[in-house]
Amino acid sequence: MEARTIVIVEDHVLLSQAISSLVNSFNDFNVLYLCKNGQELVDKLKSNAKQPDIVLMDVNMPIMNGIETTLHLTNNYPSINVLALSVEENEDIIIKMLKAGAKGYLLKDVEKNILETALHEVLDKGFYHTRDVAKLLVNTLNDDYQNNKTHLKEREIEFIKLVCTELTYKEIAERMFLSPKTIDGYRDTLFYKLQVKNRIGLVIYAIKNKIYNI
């Protein structure tokens, strides 16, 4: 089987080279090239450089960061899968990367075998999340609900769409003309109903079920 191709976008050169060596040690993957930031990747793709199957994307980079670059790839090169690789554990950052189109989010202290598994699963299943990030994504989606939106009420869908924005829960309450206590009730009901434990879980559900369109 032909090796699947990877591009690494990382502003720390030594780390980028180390990740490249690691990925090249996997039987089924080959690193095409390295980029120091998102703009360098965009420029390469515009100059007809070979498109990879997966981009391992850092989040915090100069010139063009991971979120901006991921959104650009989603809009212009949808066949390229983005797998975030970052030290950032901030919930807002993870949500922004997922909303931009990232198929998964790895922390940089991830084990070698987890990285290899993640690369395979992004290609085979379309997404992957590590156990480290699972502290925020715990119990992602229950199979019973994964492909079924019919059980959701209209106001619940409206709430989920607003959760995918940068509004706070208080601001969502104001937008929906409801009290913060009622919004807390919507949130807790959906956490239980969809088997997720936080806002990121709701965002993932919305993206996968086309409630929120990137």
C-alpha atoms as a PDB file:
ATOM      1  CA  MET A   1       0.000   0.000   0.000  1.00  0.00           C
ATOM      2  CA  GLU A   2       1.287   3.454  -0.900  1.00  0.00           C
ATOM      3  CA  ALA A   3       2.327   5.546   2.093  1.00  0.00           C
ATOM      4  CA  ARG A   4      -0.071   8.325   3.120  1.00  0.00           C
ATOM      5  CA  THR A   5       1.451  11.772   3.108  1.00  0.00           C
ATOM      6  CA  ILE A   6       1.916  14.235   5.971  1.00  0.00           C
ATOM      7  CA  VAL A   7       2.905  17.894   6.192  1.00  0.00           C
ATOM      8  CA  ILE A   8       4.020  19.372   9.523  1.00  0.00           C
ATOM      9  CA  VAL A   9       3.297  23.023  10.310  1.00  0.00           C
ATOM     10  CA  GLU A  10       5.303  23.991  13.390  1.00  0.00           C
ATOM     11  CA  ASP A  11       7.325  27.131  14.110  1.00  0.00           C
ATOM     12  CA  HIS A  12       9.922  25.430  16.339  1.00  0.00           C
ATOM     13  CA  VAL A  13      12.397  23.917  13.879  1.00  0.00           C
ATOM     14  CA  LEU A  14      13.924  21.262  16.142  1.00  0.00           C
ATOM     15  CA  LEU A  15      10.500  20.064  17.269  1.00  0.00           C
ATOM     16  CA  SER A  16       9.274  20.017  13.687  1.00  0.00           C
ATOM     17  CA  GLN A  17      12.249  17.896  12.644  1.00  0.00           C
ATOM     18  CA  ALA A  18      11.726  15.545  15.590  1.00  0.00           C
ATOM     19  CA  ILE A  19       8.047  15.071  14.714  1.00  0.00           C
ATOM     20  CA  SER A  20       9.034  14.478  11.086  1.00  0.00           C
ATOM     21  CA  SER A  21      11.493  11.747  12.053  1.00  0.00           C
ATOM     22  CA  LEU A  22       8.848  10.141  14.251  1.00  0.00           C
ATOM     23  CA  VAL A  23       6.187  10.152  11.528  1.00  0.00           C
ATOM     24  CA  ASN A  24       8.639   8.814   8.948  1.00  0.00           C
ATOM     25  CA  SER A  25       9.313   5.883  11.279  1.00  0.00           C
ATOM     26  CA  PHE A  26       5.693   4.768  10.863  1.00  0.00           C
ATOM     27  CA  ASN A  27       5.260   2.158   8.125  1.00  0.00           C
ATOM     28  CA  ASP A  28       2.291   3.772   6.405  1.00  0.00           C
ATOM     29  CA  PHE A  29       3.232   7.455   6.471  1.00  0.00           C
ATOM     30  CA  ASN A  30       5.710   9.763   4.781  1.00  0.00           C
ATOM     31  CA  VAL A  31       6.409  13.450   5.497  1.00  0.00           C
ATOM     32  CA  LEU A  32       6.306  15.562   2.337  1.00  0.00           C
ATOM     33  CA  TYR A  33       7.667  18.810   3.748  1.00  0.00           C
ATOM     34  CA  LEU A  34       7.806  21.066   6.810  1.00  0.00           C
ATOM     35  CA  CYS A  35       6.396  24.580   7.206  1.00  0.00           C
ATOM     36  CA  LYS A  36       7.232  27.155   9.886  1.00  0.00           C
ATOM     37  CA  ASN A  37       3.777  28.742   9.868  1.00  0.00           C
ATOM     38  CA  GLY A  38       0.420  28.654   8.151  1.00  0.00           C
ATOM     39  CA  GLN A  39       1.332  31.268   5.552  1.00  0.00           C
ATOM     40  CA  GLU A  40       4.250  29.161   4.358  1.00  0.00           C
ATOM     41  CA  LEU A  41       1.898  26.208   3.879  1.00  0.00           C
ATOM     42  CA  VAL A  42      -0.670  28.335   2.024  1.00  0.00           C
ATOM     43  CA  ASP A  43       2.056  29.691  -0.257  1.00  0.00           C
ATOM     44  CA  LYS A  44       3.338  26.187  -1.019  1.00  0.00           C
ATOM     45  CA  LEU A  45      -0.145  24.932  -1.880  1.00  0.00           C
ATOM     46  CA  LYS A  46      -0.760  27.964  -4.120  1.00  0.00           C
ATOM     47  CA  SER A  47       2.493  27.167  -5.953  1.00  0.00           C
ATOM     48  CA  ASN A  48       1.115  23.683  -6.674  1.00  0.00           C
ATOM     49  CA  ALA A  49       3.144  21.828  -4.071  1.00  0.00           C
ATOM     50  CA  LYS A  50       1.789  18.322  -3.529  1.00  0.00           C
ATOM     51  CA  GLN A  51      -1.222  18.241  -1.225  1.00  0.00           C
ATOM     52  CA  PRO A  52      -0.837  15.939   1.799  1.00  0.00           C
ATOM     53  CA  ASP A  53      -3.429  13.570   3.207  1.00  0.00           C
ATOM     54  CA  ILE A  54      -2.964  15.088   6.683  1.00  0.00           C
ATOM     55  CA  VAL A  55      -1.514  18.306   8.068  1.00  0.00           C
ATOM     56  CA  LEU A  56      -0.179  18.124  11.615  1.00  0.00           C
ATOM     57  CA  MET A  57      -0.953  21.673  12.692  1.00  0.00           C
ATOM     58  CA  ASP A  58       0.462  23.680  15.573  1.00  0.00           C
ATOM     59  CA  VAL A  59      -1.961  26.261  16.982  1.00  0.00           C
ATOM     60  CA  ASN A  60       0.184  29.161  18.215  1.00  0.00           C
ATOM     61  CA  MET A  61       2.361  30.354  15.343  1.00  0.00           C
ATOM     62  CA  PRO A  62       3.481  33.757  14.018  1.00  0.00           C
ATOM     63  CA  ILE A  63       2.178  35.294  10.768  1.00  0.00           C
ATOM     64  CA  MET A  64      -0.718  32.829  10.309  1.00  0.00           C
ATOM     65  CA  ASN A  65      -1.790  30.705  13.270  1.00  0.00           C
ATOM     66  CA  GLY A  66      -3.266  27.217  13.306  1.00  0.00           C
ATOM     67  CA  ILE A  67      -6.892  28.311  13.564  1.00  0.00           C
ATOM     68  CA  GLU A  68      -6.630  30.690  10.594  1.00  0.00           C
ATOM     69  CA  THR A  69      -4.734  28.118   8.549  1.00  0.00           C
ATOM     70  CA  THR A  70      -7.157  25.307   9.348  1.00  0.00           C
ATOM     71  CA  LEU A  71     -10.108  27.454   8.296  1.00  0.00           C
ATOM     72  CA  HIS A  72      -8.317  28.327   5.047  1.00  0.00           C
ATOM     73  CA  LEU A  73      -7.694  24.640   4.314  1.00  0.00           C
ATOM     74  CA  THR A  74     -11.294  23.725   5.132  1.00  0.00           C
ATOM     75  CA  ASN A  75     -12.573  26.337   2.686  1.00  0.00           C
ATOM     76  CA  ASN A  76     -10.018  25.852  -0.082  1.00  0.00           C
ATOM     77  CA  TYR A  77      -8.564  22.349   0.263  1.00  0.00           C
ATOM     78  CA  PRO A  78     -11.327  20.257   1.878  1.00  0.00           C
ATOM     79  CA  SER A  79      -9.628  16.955   1.011  1.00  0.00           C
ATOM     80  CA  ILE A  80      -6.741  17.799   3.376  1.00  0.00           C
ATOM     81  CA  ASN A  81      -7.316  16.530   6.917  1.00  0.00           C
ATOM     82  CA  VAL A  82      -6.037  18.727   9.739  1.00  0.00           C
ATOM     83  CA  LEU A  83      -4.915  17.165  13.004  1.00  0.00           C
ATOM     84  CA  ALA A  84      -4.024  19.774  15.633  1.00  0.00           C
ATOM     85  CA  LEU A  85      -0.840  19.158  17.610  1.00  0.00           C
ATOM     86  CA  SER A  86      -0.472  21.691  20.397  1.00  0.00           C
ATOM     87  CA  VAL A  87       0.426  22.407  24.005  1.00  0.00           C
ATOM     88  CA  GLU A  88      -2.818  24.368  24.368  1.00  0.00           C
ATOM     89  CA  GLU A  89      -5.407  22.741  26.653  1.00  0.00           C
ATOM     90  CA  ASN A  90      -7.678  25.792  26.706  1.00  0.00           C
ATOM     91  CA  GLU A  91     -11.295  24.849  25.979  1.00  0.00           C
ATOM     92  CA  ASP A  92     -11.911  27.913  23.796  1.00  0.00           C
ATOM     93  CA  ILE A  93      -8.857  27.160  21.642  1.00  0.00           C
ATOM     94  CA  ILE A  94      -9.923  23.538  21.142  1.00  0.00           C
ATOM     95  CA  ILE A  95     -13.453  24.631  20.181  1.00  0.00           C
ATOM     96  CA  LYS A  96     -12.080  27.169  17.685  1.00  0.00           C
ATOM     97  CA  MET A  97      -9.848  24.542  16.065  1.00  0.00           C
ATOM     98  CA  LEU A  98     -12.736  22.074  15.772  1.00  0.00           C
ATOM     99  CA  LYS A  99     -15.034  24.756  14.367  1.00  0.00           C
ATOM    100  CA  ALA A 100     -12.320  25.703  11.866  1.00  0.00           C
ATOM    101  CA  GLY A 101     -12.394  22.113  10.617  1.00  0.00           C
ATOM    102  CA  ALA A 102      -9.727  20.175  12.543  1.00  0.00           C
ATOM    103  CA  LYS A 103     -10.447  16.429  12.613  1.00  0.00           C
ATOM    104  CA  GLY A 104      -8.764  15.952  15.961  1.00  0.00           C
ATOM    105  CA  TYR A 105      -6.712  17.605  18.669  1.00  0.00           C
ATOM    106  CA  LEU A 106      -3.530  16.089  20.095  1.00  0.00           C
ATOM    107  CA  LEU A 107      -1.358  17.419  22.890  1.00  0.00           C
ATOM    108  CA  LYS A 108       2.358  17.512  22.149  1.00  0.00           C
ATOM    109  CA  ASP A 109       3.237  15.125  24.961  1.00  0.00           C
ATOM    110  CA  VAL A 110       1.224  12.399  23.228  1.00  0.00           C
ATOM    111  CA  GLU A 111       2.715   8.892  23.098  1.00  0.00           C
ATOM    112  CA  LYS A 112       4.181   7.669  19.798  1.00  0.00           C
ATOM    113  CA  ASN A 113       1.622   4.874  19.382  1.00  0.00           C
ATOM    114  CA  ILE A 114      -1.267   7.297  20.014  1.00  0.00           C
ATOM    115  CA  LEU A 115       0.005   9.624  17.283  1.00  0.00           C
ATOM    116  CA  GLU A 116       0.203   6.736  14.828  1.00  0.00           C
ATOM    117  CA  THR A 117      -3.298   5.581  15.781  1.00  0.00           C
ATOM    118  CA  ALA A 118      -4.613   9.128  15.405  1.00  0.00           C
ATOM    119  CA  LEU A 119      -3.212   9.424  11.884  1.00  0.00           C
ATOM    120  CA  HIS A 120      -4.881   6.173  10.856  1.00  0.00           C
ATOM    121  CA  GLU A 121      -8.224   7.011  12.455  1.00  0.00           C
ATOM    122  CA  VAL A 122      -8.426  10.492  10.956  1.00  0.00           C
ATOM    123  CA  LEU A 123      -8.140   8.854   7.534  1.00  0.00           C
ATOM    124  CA  ASP A 124     -10.365   5.852   8.305  1.00  0.00           C
ATOM    125  CA  LYS A 125     -13.044   7.398  10.525  1.00  0.00           C
ATOM    126  CA  GLY A 126     -12.740  11.116   9.880  1.00  0.00           C
ATOM    127  CA  PHE A 127     -11.834  12.167  13.439  1.00  0.00           C
ATOM    128  CA  TYR A 128      -9.739  11.314  16.510  1.00  0.00           C
ATOM    129  CA  HIS A 129      -9.360  12.640  20.063  1.00  0.00           C
ATOM    130  CA  THR A 130      -6.773  11.502  22.622  1.00  0.00           C
ATOM    131  CA  ARG A 131      -7.465  10.476  26.199  1.00  0.00           C
ATOM    132  CA  ASP A 132      -5.651  13.630  27.337  1.00  0.00           C
ATOM    133  CA  VAL A 133      -8.053  15.881  25.510  1.00  0.00           C
ATOM    134  CA  ALA A 134     -10.834  13.556  26.631  1.00  0.00           C
ATOM    135  CA  LYS A 135     -10.670  15.334  29.986  1.00  0.00           C
ATOM    136  CA  LEU A 136     -12.594  17.996  28.082  1.00  0.00           C
ATOM    137  CA  LEU A 137     -14.313  15.710  25.586  1.00  0.00           C
ATOM    138  CA  VAL A 138     -15.335  12.928  27.988  1.00  0.00           C
ATOM    139  CA  ASN A 139     -17.947  10.560  26.548  1.00  0.00           C
ATOM    140  CA  THR A 140     -17.954  12.275  23.167  1.00  0.00           C
ATOM    141  CA  LEU A 141     -21.044  10.939  21.454  1.00  0.00           C
ATOM    142  CA  ASN A 142     -23.348   8.056  22.245  1.00  0.00           C
ATOM    143  CA  ASP A 143     -23.980   5.831  19.204  1.00  0.00           C
ATOM    144  CA  ASP A 144     -27.707   6.049  19.812  1.00  0.00           C
ATOM    145  CA  TYR A 145     -27.622   9.791  19.171  1.00  0.00           C
ATOM    146  CA  GLN A 146     -24.720  10.207  16.801  1.00  0.00           C
ATOM    147  CA  ASN A 147     -26.740  10.229  13.588  1.00  0.00           C
ATOM    148  CA  ASN A 148     -30.142  11.199  14.908  1.00  0.00           C
ATOM    149  CA  LYS A 149     -31.344  14.758  15.371  1.00  0.00           C
ATOM    150  CA  THR A 150     -35.079  14.023  15.458  1.00  0.00           C
ATOM    151  CA  HIS A 151     -35.160  13.687  19.251  1.00  0.00           C
ATOM    152  CA  LEU A 152     -34.007  17.293  19.651  1.00  0.00           C
ATOM    153  CA  LYS A 153     -36.568  20.018  20.170  1.00  0.00           C
ATOM    154  CA  GLU A 154     -36.437  23.160  18.055  1.00  0.00           C
ATOM    155  CA  ARG A 155     -35.285  25.314  20.978  1.00  0.00           C
ATOM    156  CA  GLU A 156     -32.611  22.765  21.876  1.00  0.00           C
ATOM    157  CA  ILE A 157     -31.245  22.982  18.324  1.00  0.00           C
ATOM    158  CA  GLU A 158     -31.308  26.776  18.558  1.00  0.00           C
ATOM    159  CA  PHE A 159     -29.383  26.551  21.832  1.00  0.00           C
ATOM    160  CA  ILE A 160     -26.773  24.197  20.330  1.00  0.00           C
ATOM    161  CA  LYS A 161     -26.227  26.559  17.381  1.00  0.00           C
ATOM    162  CA  LEU A 162     -25.585  29.421  19.789  1.00  0.00           C
ATOM    163  CA  VAL A 163     -23.227  27.241  21.862  1.00  0.00           C
ATOM    164  CA  CYS A 164     -21.082  26.985  18.722  1.00  0.00           C
ATOM    165  CA  THR A 165     -20.564  30.742  18.751  1.00  0.00           C
ATOM    166  CA  GLU A 166     -18.348  32.674  21.144  1.00  0.00           C
ATOM    167  CA  LEU A 167     -21.326  33.850  23.201  1.00  0.00           C
ATOM    168  CA  THR A 168     -21.274  33.139  26.937  1.00  0.00           C
ATOM    169  CA  TYR A 169     -24.139  31.172  28.464  1.00  0.00           C
ATOM    170  CA  LYS A 170     -25.446  34.448  29.894  1.00  0.00           C
ATOM    171  CA  GLU A 171     -25.405  36.042  26.447  1.00  0.00           C
ATOM    172  CA  ILE A 172     -27.125  32.978  24.984  1.00  0.00           C
ATOM    173  CA  ALA A 173     -29.868  33.388  27.599  1.00  0.00           C
ATOM    174  CA  GLU A 174     -30.337  37.008  26.512  1.00  0.00           C
ATOM    175  CA  ARG A 175     -30.393  36.036  22.816  1.00  0.00           C
ATOM    176  CA  MET A 176     -33.047  33.370  23.460  1.00  0.00           C
ATOM    177  CA  PHE A 177     -35.029  35.647  25.830  1.00  0.00           C
ATOM    178  CA  LEU A 178     -34.680  33.105  28.626  1.00  0.00           C
ATOM    179  CA  SER A 179     -33.325  33.259  32.160  1.00  0.00           C
ATOM    180  CA  PRO A 180     -29.781  32.005  32.867  1.00  0.00           C
ATOM    181  CA  LYS A 181     -31.345  29.289  35.040  1.00  0.00           C
ATOM    182  CA  THR A 182     -33.443  28.042  32.108  1.00  0.00           C
ATOM    183  CA  ILE A 183     -30.348  28.018  29.878  1.00  0.00           C
ATOM    184  CA  ASP A 184     -28.520  25.993  32.524  1.00  0.00           C
ATOM    185  CA  GLY A 185     -31.430  23.564  32.309  1.00  0.00           C
ATOM    186  CA  TYR A 186     -31.093  23.306  28.503  1.00  0.00           C
ATOM    187  CA  ARG A 187     -27.369  22.718  28.874  1.00  0.00           C
ATOM    188  CA  ASP A 188     -27.661  20.039  31.560  1.00  0.00           C
ATOM    189  CA  THR A 189     -30.485  18.260  29.707  1.00  0.00           C
ATOM    190  CA  LEU A 190     -28.438  18.136  26.505  1.00  0.00           C
ATOM    191  CA  PHE A 191     -25.328  16.971  28.363  1.00  0.00           C
ATOM    192  CA  TYR A 192     -27.374  14.023  29.620  1.00  0.00           C
ATOM    193  CA  LYS A 193     -29.311  13.418  26.412  1.00  0.00           C
ATOM    194  CA  LEU A 194     -26.265  13.478  24.130  1.00  0.00           C
ATOM    195  CA  GLN A 195     -23.904  11.826  26.625  1.00  0.00           C
ATOM    196  CA  VAL A 196     -21.393  14.697  26.654  1.00  0.00           C
ATOM    197  CA  LYS A 197     -19.959  16.525  29.632  1.00  0.00           C
ATOM    198  CA  ASN A 198     -19.035  19.975  28.389  1.00  0.00           C
ATOM    199  CA  ARG A 199     -19.460  22.637  25.735  1.00  0.00           C
ATOM    200  CA  ILE A 200     -16.858  21.069  23.463  1.00  0.00           C
ATOM    201  CA  GLY A 201     -18.932  17.882  23.367  1.00  0.00           C
ATOM    202  CA  LEU A 202     -21.947  19.901  22.182  1.00  0.00           C
ATOM    203  CA  VAL A 203     -19.846  21.576  19.489  1.00  0.00           C
ATOM    204  CA  ILE A 204     -18.548  18.222  18.243  1.00  0.00           C
ATOM    205  CA  TYR A 205     -22.111  16.897  18.126  1.00  0.00           C
ATOM    206  CA  ALA A 206     -23.249  19.979  16.183  1.00  0.00           C
ATOM    207  CA  ILE A 207     -20.439  19.693  13.636  1.00  0.00           C
ATOM    208  CA  LYS A 208     -20.881  15.966  13.075  1.00  0.00           C
ATOM    209  CA  ASN A 209     -24.640  16.224  12.707  1.00  0.00           C
ATOM    210  CA  LYS A 210     -24.570  19.319  10.478  1.00  0.00           C
ATOM    211  CA  ILE A 211     -26.363  21.457  13.056  1.00  0.00           C
ATOM    212  CA  TYR A 212     -23.426  23.837  12.828  1.00  0.00           C
ATOM    213  CA  ASN A 213     -21.929  24.308   9.352  1.00  0.00           C
ATOM    214  CA  ILE A 214     -18.274  25.234   9.201  1.00  0.00           C
END
